[in-house]
Amino acid sequence: MNMKNNPCVEELKELLKSFDDNECDHNLWVSQKGDVHISKIPMNLRADWRKSHKRIVKYYYDYFRGNGYVGESAANDDSHVTKLLSDLKKDWEHGSTGRIDLPGVD
């Protein structure tokens, strides 16, 4: 999924589905080229994982394990996916960088 290619809800759903919410914490981030990624955050690297991803332009609040922000249920939650895609598009259009908190994500 790339922000430059007018991403759609189905693309975001596929991305969310490809992760297991109960496996570990995750983070959604966008590269300089507009590619949207979700990374697994290893427990022993929680504080330093972003340093290893030099391509991160903007990143969103950590999705803590078991809260339903990634995985099959997240992908099937139409309001979650629609809101997330809307926020991604808005932030990309405005050129937002750094950490971007998503409303309602703890």
PDB file of N, CA and C in Angstrom:
ATOM      1  N   MET A   1       0.860  -1.171   0.000  1.00  0.00           N
ATOM      2  CA  MET A   1       0.000   0.000   0.000  1.00  0.00           C
ATOM      3  C   MET A   1       0.901   1.227   0.000  1.00  0.00           C
ATOM      4  N   ASN A   2       0.622   2.154  -0.890  1.00  0.00           N
ATOM      5  CA  ASN A   2       1.423   3.367  -1.000  1.00  0.00           C
ATOM      6  C   ASN A   2       0.502   4.580  -1.033  1.00  0.00           C
ATOM      7  N   MET A   3       0.864   5.590  -0.251  1.00  0.00           N
ATOM      8  CA  MET A   3       0.028   6.783  -0.129  1.00  0.00           C
ATOM      9  C   MET A   3      -0.029   7.583  -1.430  1.00  0.00           C
ATOM     10  N   LYS A   4       0.947   7.414  -2.303  1.00  0.00           N
ATOM     11  CA  LYS A   4       0.964   8.139  -3.575  1.00  0.00           C
ATOM     12  C   LYS A   4       0.013   7.529  -4.601  1.00  0.00           C
ATOM     13  N   ASN A   5      -0.453   6.302  -4.342  1.00  0.00           N
ATOM     14  CA  ASN A   5      -1.281   5.588  -5.316  1.00  0.00           C
ATOM     15  C   ASN A   5      -2.753   5.535  -4.920  1.00  0.00           C
ATOM     16  N   ASN A   6      -3.231   6.549  -4.223  1.00  0.00           N
ATOM     17  CA  ASN A   6      -4.627   6.622  -3.813  1.00  0.00           C
ATOM     18  C   ASN A   6      -5.094   5.307  -3.170  1.00  0.00           C
ATOM     19  N   PRO A   7      -4.544   4.971  -1.995  1.00  0.00           N
ATOM     20  CA  PRO A   7      -4.877   3.690  -1.359  1.00  0.00           C
ATOM     21  C   PRO A   7      -6.361   3.580  -1.031  1.00  0.00           C
ATOM     22  N   CYS A   8      -6.826   2.347  -1.014  1.00  0.00           N
ATOM     23  CA  CYS A   8      -8.240   2.113  -0.733  1.00  0.00           C
ATOM     24  C   CYS A   8      -8.397   1.267   0.539  1.00  0.00           C
ATOM     25  N   VAL A   9      -9.620   1.180   0.993  1.00  0.00           N
ATOM     26  CA  VAL A   9      -9.956   0.450   2.211  1.00  0.00           C
ATOM     27  C   VAL A   9      -9.508  -1.004   2.120  1.00  0.00           C
ATOM     28  N   GLU A  10      -9.703  -1.632   0.980  1.00  0.00           N
ATOM     29  CA  GLU A  10      -9.343  -3.044   0.826  1.00  0.00           C
ATOM     30  C   GLU A  10      -7.842  -3.272   1.003  1.00  0.00           C
ATOM     31  N   GLU A  11      -7.025  -2.360   0.508  1.00  0.00           N
ATOM     32  CA  GLU A  11      -5.571  -2.487   0.683  1.00  0.00           C
ATOM     33  C   GLU A  11      -5.195  -2.417   2.161  1.00  0.00           C
ATOM     34  N   LEU A  12      -5.801  -1.484   2.875  1.00  0.00           N
ATOM     35  CA  LEU A  12      -5.513  -1.344   4.296  1.00  0.00           C
ATOM     36  C   LEU A  12      -5.996  -2.563   5.067  1.00  0.00           C
ATOM     37  N   LYS A  13      -7.151  -3.088   4.702  1.00  0.00           N
ATOM     38  CA  LYS A  13      -7.660  -4.295   5.353  1.00  0.00           C
ATOM     39  C   LYS A  13      -6.689  -5.456   5.172  1.00  0.00           C
ATOM     40  N   GLU A  14      -6.155  -5.620   3.972  1.00  0.00           N
ATOM     41  CA  GLU A  14      -5.202  -6.700   3.704  1.00  0.00           C
ATOM     42  C   GLU A  14      -3.933  -6.523   4.540  1.00  0.00           C
ATOM     43  N   LEU A  15      -3.470  -5.293   4.661  1.00  0.00           N
ATOM     44  CA  LEU A  15      -2.287  -5.036   5.474  1.00  0.00           C
ATOM     45  C   LEU A  15      -2.552  -5.388   6.934  1.00  0.00           C
ATOM     46  N   LEU A  16      -3.669  -4.940   7.476  1.00  0.00           N
ATOM     47  CA  LEU A  16      -4.003  -5.227   8.875  1.00  0.00           C
ATOM     48  C   LEU A  16      -4.164  -6.728   9.117  1.00  0.00           C
ATOM     49  N   LYS A  17      -4.793  -7.426   8.167  1.00  0.00           N
ATOM     50  CA  LYS A  17      -5.033  -8.867   8.299  1.00  0.00           C
ATOM     51  C   LYS A  17      -3.741  -9.671   8.370  1.00  0.00           C
ATOM     52  N   SER A  18      -2.673  -9.140   7.827  1.00  0.00           N
ATOM     53  CA  SER A  18      -1.436  -9.906   7.735  1.00  0.00           C
ATOM     54  C   SER A  18      -0.648  -9.961   9.048  1.00  0.00           C
ATOM     55  N   PHE A  19      -1.212  -9.393  10.118  1.00  0.00           N
ATOM     56  CA  PHE A  19      -0.538  -9.399  11.419  1.00  0.00           C
ATOM     57  C   PHE A  19      -1.430 -10.022  12.480  1.00  0.00           C
ATOM     58  N   ASP A  20      -0.791 -10.638  13.460  1.00  0.00           N
ATOM     59  CA  ASP A  20      -1.491 -11.284  14.570  1.00  0.00           C
ATOM     60  C   ASP A  20      -1.449 -10.358  15.781  1.00  0.00           C
ATOM     61  N   ASP A  21      -2.592  -9.850  16.165  1.00  0.00           N
ATOM     62  CA  ASP A  21      -2.694  -8.891  17.270  1.00  0.00           C
ATOM     63  C   ASP A  21      -2.195  -9.468  18.595  1.00  0.00           C
ATOM     64  N   ASN A  22      -2.280 -10.772  18.758  1.00  0.00           N
ATOM     65  CA  ASN A  22      -1.877 -11.392  20.022  1.00  0.00           C
ATOM     66  C   ASN A  22      -0.408 -11.790  20.069  1.00  0.00           C
ATOM     67  N   GLU A  23       0.290 -11.669  18.950  1.00  0.00           N
ATOM     68  CA  GLU A  23       1.688 -12.088  18.885  1.00  0.00           C
ATOM     69  C   GLU A  23       2.621 -11.121  19.615  1.00  0.00           C
ATOM     70  N   CYS A  24       2.455  -9.815  19.357  1.00  0.00           N
ATOM     71  CA  CYS A  24       3.344  -8.809  19.945  1.00  0.00           C
ATOM     72  C   CYS A  24       2.726  -7.430  19.712  1.00  0.00           C
ATOM     73  N   ASP A  25       3.414  -6.394  20.157  1.00  0.00           N
ATOM     74  CA  ASP A  25       3.000  -5.028  19.857  1.00  0.00           C
ATOM     75  C   ASP A  25       3.397  -4.707  18.416  1.00  0.00           C
ATOM     76  N   HIS A  26       2.723  -3.739  17.816  1.00  0.00           N
ATOM     77  CA  HIS A  26       2.980  -3.349  16.431  1.00  0.00           C
ATOM     78  C   HIS A  26       3.002  -1.828  16.324  1.00  0.00           C
ATOM     79  N   ASN A  27       3.550  -1.344  15.211  1.00  0.00           N
ATOM     80  CA  ASN A  27       3.475   0.080  14.917  1.00  0.00           C
ATOM     81  C   ASN A  27       3.254   0.263  13.430  1.00  0.00           C
ATOM     82  N   LEU A  28       2.369   1.177  13.095  1.00  0.00           N
ATOM     83  CA  LEU A  28       2.095   1.530  11.717  1.00  0.00           C
ATOM     84  C   LEU A  28       2.944   2.745  11.389  1.00  0.00           C
ATOM     85  N   TRP A  29       3.638   2.706  10.244  1.00  0.00           N
ATOM     86  CA  TRP A  29       4.486   3.829   9.855  1.00  0.00           C
ATOM     87  C   TRP A  29       4.503   3.990   8.349  1.00  0.00           C
ATOM     88  N   VAL A  30       4.938   5.166   7.910  1.00  0.00           N
ATOM     89  CA  VAL A  30       4.970   5.496   6.490  1.00  0.00           C
ATOM     90  C   VAL A  30       6.395   5.897   6.115  1.00  0.00           C
ATOM     91  N   SER A  31       6.887   5.328   5.007  1.00  0.00           N
ATOM     92  CA  SER A  31       8.244   5.632   4.541  1.00  0.00           C
ATOM     93  C   SER A  31       8.250   6.940   3.749  1.00  0.00           C
ATOM     94  N   GLN A  32       9.461   7.393   3.425  1.00  0.00           N
ATOM     95  CA  GLN A  32       9.621   8.606   2.627  1.00  0.00           C
ATOM     96  C   GLN A  32       8.969   8.468   1.249  1.00  0.00           C
ATOM     97  N   LYS A  33       8.933   7.248   0.727  1.00  0.00           N
ATOM     98  CA  LYS A  33       8.336   7.007  -0.592  1.00  0.00           C
ATOM     99  C   LYS A  33       6.824   6.827  -0.524  1.00  0.00           C
ATOM    100  N   GLY A  34       6.254   6.862   0.684  1.00  0.00           N
ATOM    101  CA  GLY A  34       4.807   6.731   0.830  1.00  0.00           C
ATOM    102  C   GLY A  34       4.325   5.329   1.129  1.00  0.00           C
ATOM    103  N   ASP A  35       5.251   4.374   1.235  1.00  0.00           N
ATOM    104  CA  ASP A  35       4.857   3.000   1.548  1.00  0.00           C
ATOM    105  C   ASP A  35       4.391   2.906   2.996  1.00  0.00           C
ATOM    106  N   VAL A  36       3.255   2.251   3.201  1.00  0.00           N
ATOM    107  CA  VAL A  36       2.696   2.073   4.540  1.00  0.00           C
ATOM    108  C   VAL A  36       3.124   0.695   5.042  1.00  0.00           C
ATOM    109  N   HIS A  37       3.663   0.671   6.252  1.00  0.00           N
ATOM    110  CA  HIS A  37       4.175  -0.562   6.849  1.00  0.00           C
ATOM    111  C   HIS A  37       3.580  -0.756   8.228  1.00  0.00           C
ATOM    112  N   ILE A  38       3.545  -1.986   8.654  1.00  0.00           N
ATOM    113  CA  ILE A  38       3.296  -2.299  10.061  1.00  0.00           C
ATOM    114  C   ILE A  38       4.488  -3.135  10.497  1.00  0.00           C
ATOM    115  N   SER A  39       5.109  -2.724  11.579  1.00  0.00           N
ATOM    116  CA  SER A  39       6.261  -3.460  12.095  1.00  0.00           C
ATOM    117  C   SER A  39       5.921  -4.096  13.424  1.00  0.00           C
ATOM    118  N   LYS A  40       6.474  -5.284  13.621  1.00  0.00           N
ATOM    119  CA  LYS A  40       6.382  -5.934  14.924  1.00  0.00           C
ATOM    120  C   LYS A  40       7.409  -5.263  15.829  1.00  0.00           C
ATOM    121  N   ILE A  41       7.033  -5.016  17.071  1.00  0.00           N
ATOM    122  CA  ILE A  41       7.946  -4.395  18.020  1.00  0.00           C
ATOM    123  C   ILE A  41       8.372  -5.441  19.045  1.00  0.00           C
ATOM    124  N   PRO A  42       9.598  -5.918  18.938  1.00  0.00           N
ATOM    125  CA  PRO A  42      10.070  -6.897  19.917  1.00  0.00           C
ATOM    126  C   PRO A  42      10.113  -6.285  21.318  1.00  0.00           C
ATOM    127  N   MET A  43       9.698  -7.057  22.296  1.00  0.00           N
ATOM    128  CA  MET A  43       9.645  -6.546  23.672  1.00  0.00           C
ATOM    129  C   MET A  43      10.986  -6.010  24.147  1.00  0.00           C
ATOM    130  N   ASN A  44      12.080  -6.654  23.787  1.00  0.00           N
ATOM    131  CA  ASN A  44      13.383  -6.210  24.261  1.00  0.00           C
ATOM    132  C   ASN A  44      13.911  -4.997  23.505  1.00  0.00           C
ATOM    133  N   LEU A  45      13.226  -4.580  22.441  1.00  0.00           N
ATOM    134  CA  LEU A  45      13.668  -3.421  21.664  1.00  0.00           C
ATOM    135  C   LEU A  45      12.633  -2.299  21.638  1.00  0.00           C
ATOM    136  N   ARG A  46      11.666  -2.351  22.524  1.00  0.00           N
ATOM    137  CA  ARG A  46      10.578  -1.383  22.490  1.00  0.00           C
ATOM    138  C   ARG A  46      11.067   0.060  22.353  1.00  0.00           C
ATOM    139  N   ALA A  47      12.029   0.462  23.134  1.00  0.00           N
ATOM    140  CA  ALA A  47      12.469   1.865  23.138  1.00  0.00           C
ATOM    141  C   ALA A  47      13.299   2.225  21.910  1.00  0.00           C
ATOM    142  N   ASP A  48      13.911   1.249  21.251  1.00  0.00           N
ATOM    143  CA  ASP A  48      14.870   1.555  20.194  1.00  0.00           C
ATOM    144  C   ASP A  48      14.492   1.070  18.805  1.00  0.00           C
ATOM    145  N   TRP A  49      13.340   0.485  18.609  1.00  0.00           N
ATOM    146  CA  TRP A  49      13.053  -0.142  17.319  1.00  0.00           C
ATOM    147  C   TRP A  49      13.038   0.860  16.174  1.00  0.00           C
ATOM    148  N   ARG A  50      12.608   2.107  16.398  1.00  0.00           N
ATOM    149  CA  ARG A  50      12.537   3.089  15.312  1.00  0.00           C
ATOM    150  C   ARG A  50      13.914   3.468  14.793  1.00  0.00           C
ATOM    151  N   LYS A  51      14.932   3.411  15.646  1.00  0.00           N
ATOM    152  CA  LYS A  51      16.286   3.760  15.221  1.00  0.00           C
ATOM    153  C   LYS A  51      16.783   2.837  14.121  1.00  0.00           C
ATOM    154  N   SER A  52      16.284   1.629  14.085  1.00  0.00           N
ATOM    155  CA  SER A  52      16.716   0.676  13.065  1.00  0.00           C
ATOM    156  C   SER A  52      15.957   0.854  11.751  1.00  0.00           C
ATOM    157  N   HIS A  53      14.928   1.682  11.733  1.00  0.00           N
ATOM    158  CA  HIS A  53      14.131   1.927  10.525  1.00  0.00           C
ATOM    159  C   HIS A  53      14.394   3.352  10.045  1.00  0.00           C
ATOM    160  N   LYS A  54      15.427   3.535   9.290  1.00  0.00           N
ATOM    161  CA  LYS A  54      15.844   4.870   8.837  1.00  0.00           C
ATOM    162  C   LYS A  54      14.847   5.499   7.855  1.00  0.00           C
ATOM    163  N   ARG A  55      14.000   4.683   7.255  1.00  0.00           N
ATOM    164  CA  ARG A  55      13.076   5.201   6.230  1.00  0.00           C
ATOM    165  C   ARG A  55      11.805   5.802   6.822  1.00  0.00           C
ATOM    166  N   ILE A  56      11.636   5.752   8.126  1.00  0.00           N
ATOM    167  CA  ILE A  56      10.396   6.238   8.739  1.00  0.00           C
ATOM    168  C   ILE A  56      10.310   7.756   8.612  1.00  0.00           C
ATOM    169  N   VAL A  57       9.221   8.223   8.032  1.00  0.00           N
ATOM    170  CA  VAL A  57       8.947   9.652   7.947  1.00  0.00           C
ATOM    171  C   VAL A  57       7.925  10.029   9.010  1.00  0.00           C
ATOM    172  N   LYS A  58       6.919   9.202   9.129  1.00  0.00           N
ATOM    173  CA  LYS A  58       5.891   9.432  10.144  1.00  0.00           C
ATOM    174  C   LYS A  58       5.517   8.088  10.725  1.00  0.00           C
ATOM    175  N   TYR A  59       5.193   8.091  11.979  1.00  0.00           N
ATOM    176  CA  TYR A  59       4.782   6.853  12.617  1.00  0.00           C
ATOM    177  C   TYR A  59       3.648   7.158  13.573  1.00  0.00           C
ATOM    178  N   TYR A  60       2.857   6.133  13.821  1.00  0.00           N
ATOM    179  CA  TYR A  60       1.655   6.278  14.616  1.00  0.00           C
ATOM    180  C   TYR A  60       1.827   5.578  15.952  1.00  0.00           C
ATOM    181  N   TYR A  61       0.938   5.853  16.830  1.00  0.00           N
ATOM    182  CA  TYR A  61       0.981   5.308  18.177  1.00  0.00           C
ATOM    183  C   TYR A  61       1.145   3.789  18.156  1.00  0.00           C
ATOM    184  N   ASP A  62       1.910   3.268  19.103  1.00  0.00           N
ATOM    185  CA  ASP A  62       2.101   1.816  19.184  1.00  0.00           C
ATOM    186  C   ASP A  62       0.771   1.101  19.418  1.00  0.00           C
ATOM    187  N   TYR A  63       0.579   0.033  18.699  1.00  0.00           N
ATOM    188  CA  TYR A  63      -0.595  -0.818  18.867  1.00  0.00           C
ATOM    189  C   TYR A  63      -0.215  -1.934  19.829  1.00  0.00           C
ATOM    190  N   PHE A  64      -0.610  -1.794  21.070  1.00  0.00           N
ATOM    191  CA  PHE A  64      -0.244  -2.783  22.072  1.00  0.00           C
ATOM    192  C   PHE A  64      -0.973  -4.099  21.833  1.00  0.00           C
ATOM    193  N   ARG A  65      -0.258  -5.174  22.034  1.00  0.00           N
ATOM    194  CA  ARG A  65      -0.752  -6.524  21.807  1.00  0.00           C
ATOM    195  C   ARG A  65      -2.108  -6.743  22.471  1.00  0.00           C
ATOM    196  N   GLY A  66      -3.019  -7.356  21.752  1.00  0.00           N
ATOM    197  CA  GLY A  66      -4.304  -7.743  22.304  1.00  0.00           C
ATOM    198  C   GLY A  66      -5.376  -6.660  22.320  1.00  0.00           C
ATOM    199  N   ASN A  67      -5.105  -5.478  21.741  1.00  0.00           N
ATOM    200  CA  ASN A  67      -6.101  -4.405  21.746  1.00  0.00           C
ATOM    201  C   ASN A  67      -6.927  -4.312  20.473  1.00  0.00           C
ATOM    202  N   GLY A  68      -6.668  -5.182  19.504  1.00  0.00           N
ATOM    203  CA  GLY A  68      -7.516  -5.254  18.313  1.00  0.00           C
ATOM    204  C   GLY A  68      -7.249  -4.229  17.237  1.00  0.00           C
ATOM    205  N   TYR A  69      -6.054  -3.651  17.181  1.00  0.00           N
ATOM    206  CA  TYR A  69      -5.762  -2.650  16.154  1.00  0.00           C
ATOM    207  C   TYR A  69      -5.161  -3.237  14.889  1.00  0.00           C
ATOM    208  N   VAL A  70      -4.670  -4.481  14.956  1.00  0.00           N
ATOM    209  CA  VAL A  70      -4.208  -5.206  13.775  1.00  0.00           C
ATOM    210  C   VAL A  70      -4.835  -6.595  13.817  1.00  0.00           C
ATOM    211  N   GLY A  71      -4.726  -7.320  12.731  1.00  0.00           N
ATOM    212  CA  GLY A  71      -5.285  -8.668  12.687  1.00  0.00           C
ATOM    213  C   GLY A  71      -6.640  -8.717  12.001  1.00  0.00           C
ATOM    214  N   GLU A  72      -7.205  -9.898  12.000  1.00  0.00           N
ATOM    215  CA  GLU A  72      -8.475 -10.158  11.316  1.00  0.00           C
ATOM    216  C   GLU A  72      -9.612  -9.286  11.844  1.00  0.00           C
ATOM    217  N   SER A  73      -9.747  -9.192  13.195  1.00  0.00           N
ATOM    218  CA  SER A  73     -10.869  -8.386  13.721  1.00  0.00           C
ATOM    219  C   SER A  73     -10.718  -6.913  13.392  1.00  0.00           C
ATOM    220  N   ALA A  74      -9.477  -6.413  13.419  1.00  0.00           N
ATOM    221  CA  ALA A  74      -9.255  -5.011  13.065  1.00  0.00           C
ATOM    222  C   ALA A  74      -9.626  -4.768  11.605  1.00  0.00           C
ATOM    223  N   ALA A  75      -9.246  -5.699  10.742  1.00  0.00           N
ATOM    224  CA  ALA A  75      -9.545  -5.567   9.311  1.00  0.00           C
ATOM    225  C   ALA A  75     -11.045  -5.630   9.038  1.00  0.00           C
ATOM    226  N   ASN A  76     -11.791  -6.328   9.886  1.00  0.00           N
ATOM    227  CA  ASN A  76     -13.239  -6.448   9.706  1.00  0.00           C
ATOM    228  C   ASN A  76     -14.034  -5.338  10.394  1.00  0.00           C
ATOM    229  N   ASP A  77     -13.346  -4.450  11.100  1.00  0.00           N
ATOM    230  CA  ASP A  77     -13.992  -3.326  11.778  1.00  0.00           C
ATOM    231  C   ASP A  77     -13.993  -2.135  10.814  1.00  0.00           C
ATOM    232  N   ASP A  78     -15.075  -1.991  10.069  1.00  0.00           N
ATOM    233  CA  ASP A  78     -15.147  -0.978   9.020  1.00  0.00           C
ATOM    234  C   ASP A  78     -14.910   0.438   9.534  1.00  0.00           C
ATOM    235  N   SER A  79     -15.414   0.769  10.710  1.00  0.00           N
ATOM    236  CA  SER A  79     -15.207   2.131  11.218  1.00  0.00           C
ATOM    237  C   SER A  79     -13.731   2.366  11.549  1.00  0.00           C
ATOM    238  N   HIS A  80     -13.058   1.359  12.112  1.00  0.00           N
ATOM    239  CA  HIS A  80     -11.620   1.465  12.421  1.00  0.00           C
ATOM    240  C   HIS A  80     -10.813   1.666  11.135  1.00  0.00           C
ATOM    241  N   VAL A  81     -11.074   0.841  10.126  1.00  0.00           N
ATOM    242  CA  VAL A  81     -10.313   0.903   8.884  1.00  0.00           C
ATOM    243  C   VAL A  81     -10.575   2.218   8.150  1.00  0.00           C
ATOM    244  N   THR A  82     -11.819   2.642   8.078  1.00  0.00           N
ATOM    245  CA  THR A  82     -12.169   3.880   7.387  1.00  0.00           C
ATOM    246  C   THR A  82     -11.517   5.084   8.063  1.00  0.00           C
ATOM    247  N   LYS A  83     -11.570   5.128   9.384  1.00  0.00           N
ATOM    248  CA  LYS A  83     -10.959   6.235  10.136  1.00  0.00           C
ATOM    249  C   LYS A  83      -9.449   6.229   9.960  1.00  0.00           C
ATOM    250  N   LEU A  84      -8.834   5.058  10.058  1.00  0.00           N
ATOM    251  CA  LEU A  84      -7.384   4.958   9.909  1.00  0.00           C
ATOM    252  C   LEU A  84      -6.948   5.409   8.519  1.00  0.00           C
ATOM    253  N   LEU A  85      -7.642   4.968   7.481  1.00  0.00           N
ATOM    254  CA  LEU A  85      -7.302   5.372   6.116  1.00  0.00           C
ATOM    255  C   LEU A  85      -7.483   6.876   5.937  1.00  0.00           C
ATOM    256  N   SER A  86      -8.550   7.419   6.479  1.00  0.00           N
ATOM    257  CA  SER A  86      -8.783   8.861   6.407  1.00  0.00           C
ATOM    258  C   SER A  86      -7.650   9.633   7.080  1.00  0.00           C
ATOM    259  N   ASP A  87      -7.210   9.175   8.248  1.00  0.00           N
ATOM    260  CA  ASP A  87      -6.109   9.833   8.961  1.00  0.00           C
ATOM    261  C   ASP A  87      -4.806   9.724   8.177  1.00  0.00           C
ATOM    262  N   LEU A  88      -4.539   8.556   7.610  1.00  0.00           N
ATOM    263  CA  LEU A  88      -3.330   8.378   6.810  1.00  0.00           C
ATOM    264  C   LEU A  88      -3.321   9.341   5.619  1.00  0.00           C
ATOM    265  N   LYS A  89      -4.437   9.437   4.923  1.00  0.00           N
ATOM    266  CA  LYS A  89      -4.520  10.326   3.754  1.00  0.00           C
ATOM    267  C   LYS A  89      -4.345  11.785   4.165  1.00  0.00           C
ATOM    268  N   LYS A  90      -5.016  12.177   5.226  1.00  0.00           N
ATOM    269  CA  LYS A  90      -4.915  13.568   5.697  1.00  0.00           C
ATOM    270  C   LYS A  90      -3.478  13.898   6.090  1.00  0.00           C
ATOM    271  N   ASP A  91      -2.857  13.020   6.858  1.00  0.00           N
ATOM    272  CA  ASP A  91      -1.487  13.264   7.308  1.00  0.00           C
ATOM    273  C   ASP A  91      -0.508  13.284   6.133  1.00  0.00           C
ATOM    274  N   TRP A  92      -0.725  12.418   5.136  1.00  0.00           N
ATOM    275  CA  TRP A  92       0.145  12.396   3.966  1.00  0.00           C
ATOM    276  C   TRP A  92      -0.006  13.694   3.177  1.00  0.00           C
ATOM    277  N   GLU A  93      -1.241  14.137   2.964  1.00  0.00           N
ATOM    278  CA  GLU A  93      -1.491  15.367   2.207  1.00  0.00           C
ATOM    279  C   GLU A  93      -0.908  16.592   2.894  1.00  0.00           C
ATOM    280  N   HIS A  94      -0.936  16.600   4.226  1.00  0.00           N
ATOM    281  CA  HIS A  94      -0.404  17.743   4.982  1.00  0.00           C
ATOM    282  C   HIS A  94       1.096  17.655   5.219  1.00  0.00           C
ATOM    283  N   GLY A  95       1.718  16.558   4.818  1.00  0.00           N
ATOM    284  CA  GLY A  95       3.155  16.411   4.995  1.00  0.00           C
ATOM    285  C   GLY A  95       3.584  16.233   6.445  1.00  0.00           C
ATOM    286  N   SER A  96       2.695  15.728   7.273  1.00  0.00           N
ATOM    287  CA  SER A  96       3.014  15.515   8.684  1.00  0.00           C
ATOM    288  C   SER A  96       4.189  14.551   8.812  1.00  0.00           C
ATOM    289  N   THR A  97       5.047  14.800   9.795  1.00  0.00           N
ATOM    290  CA  THR A  97       6.192  13.929  10.044  1.00  0.00           C
ATOM    291  C   THR A  97       6.304  13.656  11.534  1.00  0.00           C
ATOM    292  N   GLY A  98       7.166  12.697  11.874  1.00  0.00           N
ATOM    293  CA  GLY A  98       7.374  12.350  13.280  1.00  0.00           C
ATOM    294  C   GLY A  98       6.235  11.509  13.812  1.00  0.00           C
ATOM    295  N   ARG A  99       6.035  11.583  15.125  1.00  0.00           N
ATOM    296  CA  ARG A  99       4.987  10.784  15.756  1.00  0.00           C
ATOM    297  C   ARG A  99       3.632  11.440  15.571  1.00  0.00           C
ATOM    298  N   ILE A 100       2.666  10.630  15.177  1.00  0.00           N
ATOM    299  CA  ILE A 100       1.302  11.102  14.972  1.00  0.00           C
ATOM    300  C   ILE A 100       0.393  10.199  15.793  1.00  0.00           C
ATOM    301  N   ASP A 101      -0.267  10.762  16.778  1.00  0.00           N
ATOM    302  CA  ASP A 101      -1.171   9.972  17.618  1.00  0.00           C
ATOM    303  C   ASP A 101      -2.503   9.831  16.920  1.00  0.00           C
ATOM    304  N   LEU A 102      -3.034   8.648  16.980  1.00  0.00           N
ATOM    305  CA  LEU A 102      -4.357   8.395  16.425  1.00  0.00           C
ATOM    306  C   LEU A 102      -5.385   8.515  17.533  1.00  0.00           C
ATOM    307  N   PRO A 103      -6.443   9.252  17.343  1.00  0.00           N
ATOM    308  CA  PRO A 103      -7.469   9.366  18.372  1.00  0.00           C
ATOM    309  C   PRO A 103      -8.033   7.986  18.745  1.00  0.00           C
ATOM    310  N   GLY A 104      -8.231   7.778  20.024  1.00  0.00           N
ATOM    311  CA  GLY A 104      -8.850   6.557  20.484  1.00  0.00           C
ATOM    312  C   GLY A 104      -7.909   5.387  20.642  1.00  0.00           C
ATOM    313  N   VAL A 105      -6.616   5.563  20.331  1.00  0.00           N
ATOM    314  CA  VAL A 105      -5.646   4.484  20.501  1.00  0.00           C
ATOM    315  C   VAL A 105      -4.843   4.754  21.756  1.00  0.00           C
ATOM    316  N   ASP A 106      -4.871   3.806  22.680  1.00  0.00           N
ATOM    317  CA  ASP A 106      -4.138   3.973  23.931  1.00  0.00           C
ATOM    318  C   ASP A 106      -2.807   3.281  23.867  1.00  0.00           C
TER     319      ASP A 106
END
